[in-house]
């Protein structure tokens, strides 16, 4: 697992620790993590705070040109499944 996917995995574990859904994401620009987040829909009763949205929000207000160059890494930790313990996704463009 590369370092960015590991960071997304760590965010997913935060979601579990808070009693929420175990999905974590990191937003990467030119090899640097600029935003981290995890699914907080349950914790904050939010309809939109998915892990990906949380990571983008935590990156702050940036020019669109920065977001076009970003990669979004998302990790879904499947705690109830022994056969496939996790599901990972990498989005190259936002």
PDB file of N, CA and C in Angstrom:
ATOM      1  N   UNK A   1       0.857  -1.173   0.000  1.00  0.00           N
ATOM      2  CA  UNK A   1       0.000   0.000   0.000  1.00  0.00           C
ATOM      3  C   UNK A   1       0.904   1.238   0.000  1.00  0.00           C
ATOM      4  N   UNK A   2       0.644   2.172  -0.933  1.00  0.00           N
ATOM      5  CA  UNK A   2       1.499   3.354  -0.977  1.00  0.00           C
ATOM      6  C   UNK A   2       1.136   4.326   0.155  1.00  0.00           C
ATOM      7  N   UNK A   3       1.960   5.338   0.335  1.00  0.00           N
ATOM      8  CA  UNK A   3       1.800   6.228   1.487  1.00  0.00           C
ATOM      9  C   UNK A   3       0.491   7.012   1.452  1.00  0.00           C
ATOM     10  N   UNK A   4       0.000   7.366   0.263  1.00  0.00           N
ATOM     11  CA  UNK A   4      -1.249   8.120   0.185  1.00  0.00           C
ATOM     12  C   UNK A   4      -2.448   7.239   0.516  1.00  0.00           C
ATOM     13  N   UNK A   5      -2.423   6.002   0.035  1.00  0.00           N
ATOM     14  CA  UNK A   5      -3.516   5.093   0.359  1.00  0.00           C
ATOM     15  C   UNK A   5      -3.472   4.744   1.846  1.00  0.00           C
ATOM     16  N   UNK A   6      -2.273   4.652   2.405  1.00  0.00           N
ATOM     17  CA  UNK A   6      -2.140   4.411   3.846  1.00  0.00           C
ATOM     18  C   UNK A   6      -2.738   5.580   4.640  1.00  0.00           C
ATOM     19  N   UNK A   7      -2.505   6.797   4.170  1.00  0.00           N
ATOM     20  CA  UNK A   7      -3.081   7.971   4.843  1.00  0.00           C
ATOM     21  C   UNK A   7      -4.612   7.938   4.770  1.00  0.00           C
ATOM     22  N   UNK A   8      -5.162   7.507   3.629  1.00  0.00           N
ATOM     23  CA  UNK A   8      -6.614   7.377   3.497  1.00  0.00           C
ATOM     24  C   UNK A   8      -7.133   6.283   4.432  1.00  0.00           C
ATOM     25  N   UNK A   9      -6.375   5.204   4.560  1.00  0.00           N
ATOM     26  CA  UNK A   9      -6.725   4.115   5.480  1.00  0.00           C
ATOM     27  C   UNK A   9      -6.773   4.626   6.918  1.00  0.00           C
ATOM     28  N   UNK A  10      -5.798   5.446   7.301  1.00  0.00           N
ATOM     29  CA  UNK A  10      -5.764   6.004   8.652  1.00  0.00           C
ATOM     30  C   UNK A  10      -6.969   6.913   8.903  1.00  0.00           C
ATOM     31  N   UNK A  11      -7.384   7.647   7.869  1.00  0.00           N
ATOM     32  CA  UNK A  11      -8.590   8.473   7.997  1.00  0.00           C
ATOM     33  C   UNK A  11      -9.824   7.595   8.180  1.00  0.00           C
ATOM     34  N   UNK A  12      -9.871   6.471   7.467  1.00  0.00           N
ATOM     35  CA  UNK A  12     -11.009   5.542   7.613  1.00  0.00           C
ATOM     36  C   UNK A  12     -11.076   5.014   9.047  1.00  0.00           C
ATOM     37  N   UNK A  13      -9.924   4.739   9.638  1.00  0.00           N
ATOM     38  CA  UNK A  13      -9.899   4.270  11.031  1.00  0.00           C
ATOM     39  C   UNK A  13     -10.411   5.345  11.986  1.00  0.00           C
ATOM     40  N   UNK A  14     -10.170   6.615  11.677  1.00  0.00           N
ATOM     41  CA  UNK A  14     -10.703   7.702  12.503  1.00  0.00           C
ATOM     42  C   UNK A  14     -12.229   7.685  12.471  1.00  0.00           C
ATOM     43  N   UNK A  15     -12.775   7.405  11.287  1.00  0.00           N
ATOM     44  CA  UNK A  15     -14.224   7.331  11.158  1.00  0.00           C
ATOM     45  C   UNK A  15     -14.812   6.255  12.058  1.00  0.00           C
ATOM     46  N   UNK A  16     -14.160   5.093  12.103  1.00  0.00           N
ATOM     47  CA  UNK A  16     -14.613   4.009  12.988  1.00  0.00           C
ATOM     48  C   UNK A  16     -14.517   4.441  14.443  1.00  0.00           C
ATOM     49  N   UNK A  17     -13.391   5.047  14.807  1.00  0.00           N
ATOM     50  CA  UNK A  17     -13.170   5.463  16.195  1.00  0.00           C
ATOM     51  C   UNK A  17     -14.230   6.462  16.663  1.00  0.00           C
ATOM     52  N   UNK A  18     -14.773   7.254  15.727  1.00  0.00           N
ATOM     53  CA  UNK A  18     -15.800   8.238  16.065  1.00  0.00           C
ATOM     54  C   UNK A  18     -17.212   7.658  15.992  1.00  0.00           C
ATOM     55  N   UNK A  19     -17.312   6.364  15.684  1.00  0.00           N
ATOM     56  CA  UNK A  19     -18.625   5.733  15.596  1.00  0.00           C
ATOM     57  C   UNK A  19     -19.315   5.924  14.260  1.00  0.00           C
ATOM     58  N   UNK A  20     -18.538   6.291  13.239  1.00  0.00           N
ATOM     59  CA  UNK A  20     -19.116   6.541  11.924  1.00  0.00           C
ATOM     60  C   UNK A  20     -18.784   5.470  10.908  1.00  0.00           C
ATOM     61  N   UNK A  21     -18.948   5.814   9.662  1.00  0.00           N
ATOM     62  CA  UNK A  21     -18.702   4.917   8.540  1.00  0.00           C
ATOM     63  C   UNK A  21     -17.212   4.961   8.197  1.00  0.00           C
ATOM     64  N   UNK A  22     -16.569   3.804   8.025  1.00  0.00           N
ATOM     65  CA  UNK A  22     -15.115   3.757   7.853  1.00  0.00           C
ATOM     66  C   UNK A  22     -14.632   4.048   6.434  1.00  0.00           C
ATOM     67  N   UNK A  23     -14.804   5.295   6.007  1.00  0.00           N
ATOM     68  CA  UNK A  23     -14.310   5.718   4.699  1.00  0.00           C
ATOM     69  C   UNK A  23     -13.410   6.928   4.916  1.00  0.00           C
ATOM     70  N   UNK A  24     -12.183   6.852   4.387  1.00  0.00           N
ATOM     71  CA  UNK A  24     -11.237   7.954   4.517  1.00  0.00           C
ATOM     72  C   UNK A  24     -10.698   8.368   3.169  1.00  0.00           C
ATOM     73  N   UNK A  25     -10.318   9.633   3.048  1.00  0.00           N
ATOM     74  CA  UNK A  25      -9.794  10.162   1.793  1.00  0.00           C
ATOM     75  C   UNK A  25      -8.676  11.154   2.058  1.00  0.00           C
ATOM     76  N   UNK A  26      -7.773  11.243   1.086  1.00  0.00           N
ATOM     77  CA  UNK A  26      -6.763  12.300   1.092  1.00  0.00           C
ATOM     78  C   UNK A  26      -6.706  12.909  -0.301  1.00  0.00           C
ATOM     79  N   UNK A  27      -6.499  14.201  -0.357  1.00  0.00           N
ATOM     80  CA  UNK A  27      -6.368  14.938  -1.604  1.00  0.00           C
ATOM     81  C   UNK A  27      -4.895  15.294  -1.765  1.00  0.00           C
ATOM     82  N   UNK A  28      -4.302  14.888  -2.883  1.00  0.00           N
ATOM     83  CA  UNK A  28      -2.864  15.041  -3.101  1.00  0.00           C
ATOM     84  C   UNK A  28      -2.603  15.960  -4.284  1.00  0.00           C
ATOM     85  N   UNK A  29      -1.725  16.936  -4.068  1.00  0.00           N
ATOM     86  CA  UNK A  29      -1.305  17.848  -5.137  1.00  0.00           C
ATOM     87  C   UNK A  29       0.208  17.795  -5.254  1.00  0.00           C
ATOM     88  N   UNK A  30       0.675  17.347  -6.411  1.00  0.00           N
ATOM     89  CA  UNK A  30       2.118  17.260  -6.698  1.00  0.00           C
ATOM     90  C   UNK A  30       2.880  16.534  -5.596  1.00  0.00           C
ATOM     91  N   UNK A  31       2.328  15.409  -5.140  1.00  0.00           N
ATOM     92  CA  UNK A  31       3.011  14.569  -4.164  1.00  0.00           C
ATOM     93  C   UNK A  31       2.877  14.999  -2.715  1.00  0.00           C
ATOM     94  N   UNK A  32       2.042  15.994  -2.441  1.00  0.00           N
ATOM     95  CA  UNK A  32       1.853  16.487  -1.067  1.00  0.00           C
ATOM     96  C   UNK A  32       0.371  16.399  -0.710  1.00  0.00           C
ATOM     97  N   UNK A  33       0.077  15.858   0.455  1.00  0.00           N
ATOM     98  CA  UNK A  33      -1.309  15.796   0.921  1.00  0.00           C
ATOM     99  C   UNK A  33      -1.742  17.203   1.335  1.00  0.00           C
ATOM    100  N   UNK A  34      -2.775  17.709   0.657  1.00  0.00           N
ATOM    101  CA  UNK A  34      -3.262  19.054   0.979  1.00  0.00           C
ATOM    102  C   UNK A  34      -4.610  19.021   1.702  1.00  0.00           C
ATOM    103  N   UNK A  35      -5.235  17.855   1.749  1.00  0.00           N
ATOM    104  CA  UNK A  35      -6.506  17.727   2.460  1.00  0.00           C
ATOM    105  C   UNK A  35      -6.724  16.298   2.914  1.00  0.00           C
ATOM    106  N   UNK A  36      -7.218  16.134   4.128  1.00  0.00           N
ATOM    107  CA  UNK A  36      -7.533  14.823   4.693  1.00  0.00           C
ATOM    108  C   UNK A  36      -8.962  14.867   5.199  1.00  0.00           C
ATOM    109  N   UNK A  37      -9.629  13.718   5.125  1.00  0.00           N
ATOM    110  CA  UNK A  37     -10.981  13.686   5.661  1.00  0.00           C
ATOM    111  C   UNK A  37     -11.504  12.271   5.770  1.00  0.00           C
ATOM    112  N   UNK A  38     -12.571  12.134   6.518  1.00  0.00           N
ATOM    113  CA  UNK A  38     -13.240  10.841   6.642  1.00  0.00           C
ATOM    114  C   UNK A  38     -14.743  11.082   6.697  1.00  0.00           C
ATOM    115  N   UNK A  39     -15.474  10.033   6.429  1.00  0.00           N
ATOM    116  CA  UNK A  39     -16.916  10.131   6.393  1.00  0.00           C
ATOM    117  C   UNK A  39     -17.421  10.559   7.776  1.00  0.00           C
ATOM    118  N   UNK A  40     -18.149  11.673   7.813  1.00  0.00           N
ATOM    119  CA  UNK A  40     -18.685  12.184   9.078  1.00  0.00           C
ATOM    120  C   UNK A  40     -20.190  12.388   8.998  1.00  0.00           C
ATOM    121  N   UNK A  41     -20.824  11.641   8.111  1.00  0.00           N
ATOM    122  CA  UNK A  41     -22.274  11.769   7.939  1.00  0.00           C
ATOM    123  C   UNK A  41     -23.015  11.382   9.206  1.00  0.00           C
ATOM    124  N   UNK A  42     -22.590  10.305   9.850  1.00  0.00           N
ATOM    125  CA  UNK A  42     -23.264   9.834  11.060  1.00  0.00           C
ATOM    126  C   UNK A  42     -22.969  10.763  12.232  1.00  0.00           C
ATOM    127  N   UNK A  43     -21.704  11.097  12.421  1.00  0.00           N
ATOM    128  CA  UNK A  43     -21.300  11.889  13.572  1.00  0.00           C
ATOM    129  C   UNK A  43     -21.950  13.270  13.598  1.00  0.00           C
ATOM    130  N   UNK A  44     -22.091  13.908  12.415  1.00  0.00           N
ATOM    131  CA  UNK A  44     -22.614  15.275  12.350  1.00  0.00           C
ATOM    132  C   UNK A  44     -24.003  15.350  11.729  1.00  0.00           C
ATOM    133  N   UNK A  45     -24.608  14.199  11.496  1.00  0.00           N
ATOM    134  CA  UNK A  45     -25.923  14.148  10.837  1.00  0.00           C
ATOM    135  C   UNK A  45     -25.929  14.970   9.551  1.00  0.00           C
ATOM    136  N   UNK A  46     -24.882  14.791   8.767  1.00  0.00           N
ATOM    137  CA  UNK A  46     -24.714  15.549   7.532  1.00  0.00           C
ATOM    138  C   UNK A  46     -25.061  14.685   6.323  1.00  0.00           C
ATOM    139  N   UNK A  47     -25.757  15.267   5.392  1.00  0.00           N
ATOM    140  CA  UNK A  47     -26.091  14.554   4.161  1.00  0.00           C
ATOM    141  C   UNK A  47     -24.944  14.577   3.161  1.00  0.00           C
ATOM    142  N   UNK A  48     -23.962  15.461   3.354  1.00  0.00           N
ATOM    143  CA  UNK A  48     -22.920  15.623   2.338  1.00  0.00           C
ATOM    144  C   UNK A  48     -21.498  15.333   2.802  1.00  0.00           C
ATOM    145  N   UNK A  49     -21.260  15.150   4.088  1.00  0.00           N
ATOM    146  CA  UNK A  49     -19.882  14.987   4.541  1.00  0.00           C
ATOM    147  C   UNK A  49     -19.351  13.560   4.346  1.00  0.00           C
ATOM    148  N   UNK A  50     -19.279  13.163   3.086  1.00  0.00           N
ATOM    149  CA  UNK A  50     -18.600  11.923   2.745  1.00  0.00           C
ATOM    150  C   UNK A  50     -17.107  12.160   2.928  1.00  0.00           C
ATOM    151  N   UNK A  51     -16.323  11.104   2.985  1.00  0.00           N
ATOM    152  CA  UNK A  51     -14.882  11.248   3.177  1.00  0.00           C
ATOM    153  C   UNK A  51     -14.226  12.128   2.128  1.00  0.00           C
ATOM    154  N   UNK A  52     -14.652  11.977   0.878  1.00  0.00           N
ATOM    155  CA  UNK A  52     -14.072  12.767  -0.205  1.00  0.00           C
ATOM    156  C   UNK A  52     -14.386  14.256  -0.038  1.00  0.00           C
ATOM    157  N   UNK A  53     -15.633  14.551   0.311  1.00  0.00           N
ATOM    158  CA  UNK A  53     -16.034  15.953   0.495  1.00  0.00           C
ATOM    159  C   UNK A  53     -15.315  16.567   1.693  1.00  0.00           C
ATOM    160  N   UNK A  54     -15.126  15.791   2.742  1.00  0.00           N
ATOM    161  CA  UNK A  54     -14.421  16.266   3.930  1.00  0.00           C
ATOM    162  C   UNK A  54     -12.969  16.602   3.588  1.00  0.00           C
ATOM    163  N   UNK A  55     -12.326  15.759   2.789  1.00  0.00           N
ATOM    164  CA  UNK A  55     -10.930  16.011   2.390  1.00  0.00           C
ATOM    165  C   UNK A  55     -10.822  17.280   1.546  1.00  0.00           C
ATOM    166  N   UNK A  56     -11.758  17.449   0.611  1.00  0.00           N
ATOM    167  CA  UNK A  56     -11.738  18.648  -0.233  1.00  0.00           C
ATOM    168  C   UNK A  56     -11.995  19.897   0.603  1.00  0.00           C
ATOM    169  N   UNK A  57     -12.954  19.809   1.511  1.00  0.00           N
ATOM    170  CA  UNK A  57     -13.249  20.954   2.386  1.00  0.00           C
ATOM    171  C   UNK A  57     -12.042  21.305   3.261  1.00  0.00           C
ATOM    172  N   UNK A  58     -11.371  20.291   3.778  1.00  0.00           N
ATOM    173  CA  UNK A  58     -10.215  20.530   4.650  1.00  0.00           C
ATOM    174  C   UNK A  58      -8.990  21.028   3.890  1.00  0.00           C
ATOM    175  N   UNK A  59      -8.990  20.890   2.566  1.00  0.00           N
ATOM    176  CA  UNK A  59      -7.894  21.451   1.761  1.00  0.00           C
ATOM    177  C   UNK A  59      -7.975  22.967   1.731  1.00  0.00           C
ATOM    178  N   UNK A  60      -9.158  23.490   1.989  1.00  0.00           N
ATOM    179  CA  UNK A  60      -9.330  24.947   1.996  1.00  0.00           C
ATOM    180  C   UNK A  60      -9.740  25.472   0.635  1.00  0.00           C
ATOM    181  N   UNK A  61      -9.900  26.751   0.564  1.00  0.00           N
ATOM    182  CA  UNK A  61     -10.319  27.402  -0.686  1.00  0.00           C
ATOM    183  C   UNK A  61      -9.081  27.602  -1.556  1.00  0.00           C
ATOM    184  N   UNK A  62      -9.038  26.871  -2.655  1.00  0.00           N
ATOM    185  CA  UNK A  62      -7.898  26.920  -3.569  1.00  0.00           C
ATOM    186  C   UNK A  62      -8.380  27.221  -4.982  1.00  0.00           C
ATOM    187  N   UNK A  63      -7.496  27.730  -5.824  1.00  0.00           N
ATOM    188  CA  UNK A  63      -7.890  27.970  -7.220  1.00  0.00           C
ATOM    189  C   UNK A  63      -8.236  26.658  -7.925  1.00  0.00           C
ATOM    190  N   UNK A  64      -9.135  26.745  -8.897  1.00  0.00           N
ATOM    191  CA  UNK A  64      -9.535  25.561  -9.657  1.00  0.00           C
ATOM    192  C   UNK A  64      -8.337  24.894 -10.321  1.00  0.00           C
ATOM    193  N   UNK A  65      -7.339  25.675 -10.692  1.00  0.00           N
ATOM    194  CA  UNK A  65      -6.151  25.110 -11.350  1.00  0.00           C
ATOM    195  C   UNK A  65      -5.426  24.118 -10.435  1.00  0.00           C
ATOM    196  N   UNK A  66      -5.461  24.338  -9.142  1.00  0.00           N
ATOM    197  CA  UNK A  66      -4.846  23.407  -8.184  1.00  0.00           C
ATOM    198  C   UNK A  66      -5.651  22.114  -8.144  1.00  0.00           C
ATOM    199  N   UNK A  67      -6.967  22.229  -8.031  1.00  0.00           N
ATOM    200  CA  UNK A  67      -7.813  21.038  -7.961  1.00  0.00           C
ATOM    201  C   UNK A  67      -7.702  20.186  -9.228  1.00  0.00           C
ATOM    202  N   UNK A  68      -7.507  20.815 -10.378  1.00  0.00           N
ATOM    203  CA  UNK A  68      -7.374  20.053 -11.629  1.00  0.00           C
ATOM    204  C   UNK A  68      -6.133  19.174 -11.624  1.00  0.00           C
ATOM    205  N   UNK A  69      -5.139  19.541 -10.845  1.00  0.00           N
ATOM    206  CA  UNK A  69      -3.882  18.787 -10.789  1.00  0.00           C
ATOM    207  C   UNK A  69      -3.847  17.784  -9.640  1.00  0.00           C
ATOM    208  N   UNK A  70      -4.938  17.640  -8.905  1.00  0.00           N
ATOM    209  CA  UNK A  70      -4.972  16.790  -7.718  1.00  0.00           C
ATOM    210  C   UNK A  70      -5.385  15.354  -8.026  1.00  0.00           C
ATOM    211  N   UNK A  71      -4.999  14.476  -7.130  1.00  0.00           N
ATOM    212  CA  UNK A  71      -5.452  13.089  -7.128  1.00  0.00           C
ATOM    213  C   UNK A  71      -6.125  12.844  -5.786  1.00  0.00           C
ATOM    214  N   UNK A  72      -7.294  12.201  -5.824  1.00  0.00           N
ATOM    215  CA  UNK A  72      -8.054  11.910  -4.612  1.00  0.00           C
ATOM    216  C   UNK A  72      -7.965  10.414  -4.325  1.00  0.00           C
ATOM    217  N   UNK A  73      -7.431  10.067  -3.175  1.00  0.00           N
ATOM    218  CA  UNK A  73      -7.316   8.670  -2.752  1.00  0.00           C
ATOM    219  C   UNK A  73      -8.399   8.397  -1.720  1.00  0.00           C
ATOM    220  N   UNK A  74      -9.144   7.308  -1.904  1.00  0.00           N
ATOM    221  CA  UNK A  74     -10.213   6.951  -0.980  1.00  0.00           C
ATOM    222  C   UNK A  74     -10.070   5.499  -0.552  1.00  0.00           C
ATOM    223  N   UNK A  75     -10.252   5.254   0.731  1.00  0.00           N
ATOM    224  CA  UNK A  75     -10.153   3.897   1.282  1.00  0.00           C
ATOM    225  C   UNK A  75     -11.416   3.587   2.066  1.00  0.00           C
ATOM    226  N   UNK A  76     -12.049   2.458   1.740  1.00  0.00           N
ATOM    227  CA  UNK A  76     -13.244   1.997   2.448  1.00  0.00           C
ATOM    228  C   UNK A  76     -12.855   0.746   3.213  1.00  0.00           C
ATOM    229  N   UNK A  77     -12.830   0.847   4.522  1.00  0.00           N
ATOM    230  CA  UNK A  77     -12.453  -0.266   5.386  1.00  0.00           C
ATOM    231  C   UNK A  77     -13.686  -1.100   5.670  1.00  0.00           C
ATOM    232  N   UNK A  78     -13.692  -2.319   5.180  1.00  0.00           N
ATOM    233  CA  UNK A  78     -14.847  -3.205   5.364  1.00  0.00           C
ATOM    234  C   UNK A  78     -14.591  -4.058   6.598  1.00  0.00           C
ATOM    235  N   UNK A  79     -15.079  -3.598   7.714  1.00  0.00           N
ATOM    236  CA  UNK A  79     -14.787  -4.251   8.989  1.00  0.00           C
ATOM    237  C   UNK A  79     -15.557  -5.546   9.195  1.00  0.00           C
ATOM    238  N   UNK A  80     -16.630  -5.772   8.461  1.00  0.00           N
ATOM    239  CA  UNK A  80     -17.431  -6.978   8.670  1.00  0.00           C
ATOM    240  C   UNK A  80     -17.118  -8.087   7.677  1.00  0.00           C
ATOM    241  N   UNK A  81     -16.183  -7.868   6.791  1.00  0.00           N
ATOM    242  CA  UNK A  81     -15.910  -8.843   5.733  1.00  0.00           C
ATOM    243  C   UNK A  81     -14.498  -9.394   5.887  1.00  0.00           C
ATOM    244  N   UNK A  82     -14.381 -10.689   6.063  1.00  0.00           N
ATOM    245  CA  UNK A  82     -13.069 -11.309   6.245  1.00  0.00           C
ATOM    246  C   UNK A  82     -12.383 -11.612   4.921  1.00  0.00           C
ATOM    247  N   UNK A  83     -13.137 -11.820   3.859  1.00  0.00           N
ATOM    248  CA  UNK A  83     -12.552 -12.200   2.571  1.00  0.00           C
ATOM    249  C   UNK A  83     -11.913 -11.001   1.875  1.00  0.00           C
ATOM    250  N   UNK A  84     -12.604  -9.881   1.816  1.00  0.00           N
ATOM    251  CA  UNK A  84     -12.077  -8.673   1.191  1.00  0.00           C
ATOM    252  C   UNK A  84     -12.051  -7.592   2.264  1.00  0.00           C
ATOM    253  N   UNK A  85     -10.905  -7.402   2.928  1.00  0.00           N
ATOM    254  CA  UNK A  85     -10.870  -6.501   4.080  1.00  0.00           C
ATOM    255  C   UNK A  85     -10.978  -5.018   3.758  1.00  0.00           C
ATOM    256  N   UNK A  86     -10.691  -4.615   2.517  1.00  0.00           N
ATOM    257  CA  UNK A  86     -10.773  -3.195   2.214  1.00  0.00           C
ATOM    258  C   UNK A  86     -11.023  -2.975   0.732  1.00  0.00           C
ATOM    259  N   UNK A  87     -11.478  -1.793   0.415  1.00  0.00           N
ATOM    260  CA  UNK A  87     -11.732  -1.405  -0.962  1.00  0.00           C
ATOM    261  C   UNK A  87     -11.054  -0.063  -1.168  1.00  0.00           C
ATOM    262  N   UNK A  88     -10.191   0.034  -2.160  1.00  0.00           N
ATOM    263  CA  UNK A  88      -9.421   1.252  -2.393  1.00  0.00           C
ATOM    264  C   UNK A  88      -9.736   1.826  -3.767  1.00  0.00           C
ATOM    265  N   UNK A  89      -9.787   3.126  -3.853  1.00  0.00           N
ATOM    266  CA  UNK A  89     -10.056   3.806  -5.113  1.00  0.00           C
ATOM    267  C   UNK A  89      -9.125   4.998  -5.234  1.00  0.00           C
ATOM    268  N   UNK A  90      -8.645   5.227  -6.450  1.00  0.00           N
ATOM    269  CA  UNK A  90      -7.852   6.414  -6.734  1.00  0.00           C
ATOM    270  C   UNK A  90      -8.521   7.145  -7.875  1.00  0.00           C
ATOM    271  N   UNK A  91      -8.877   8.408  -7.647  1.00  0.00           N
ATOM    272  CA  UNK A  91      -9.462   9.246  -8.670  1.00  0.00           C
ATOM    273  C   UNK A  91      -8.377  10.183  -9.180  1.00  0.00           C
ATOM    274  N   UNK A  92      -8.078  10.117 -10.463  1.00  0.00           N
ATOM    275  CA  UNK A  92      -7.005  10.928 -11.030  1.00  0.00           C
ATOM    276  C   UNK A  92      -7.420  12.379 -11.260  1.00  0.00           C
ATOM    277  N   UNK A  93      -8.682  12.596 -11.585  1.00  0.00           N
ATOM    278  CA  UNK A  93      -9.152  13.955 -11.841  1.00  0.00           C
ATOM    279  C   UNK A  93     -10.396  14.232 -11.020  1.00  0.00           C
ATOM    280  N   UNK A  94     -10.542  15.454 -10.597  1.00  0.00           N
ATOM    281  CA  UNK A  94     -11.750  15.868  -9.875  1.00  0.00           C
ATOM    282  C   UNK A  94     -12.687  16.557 -10.828  1.00  0.00           C
TER     283      UNK A  94
END
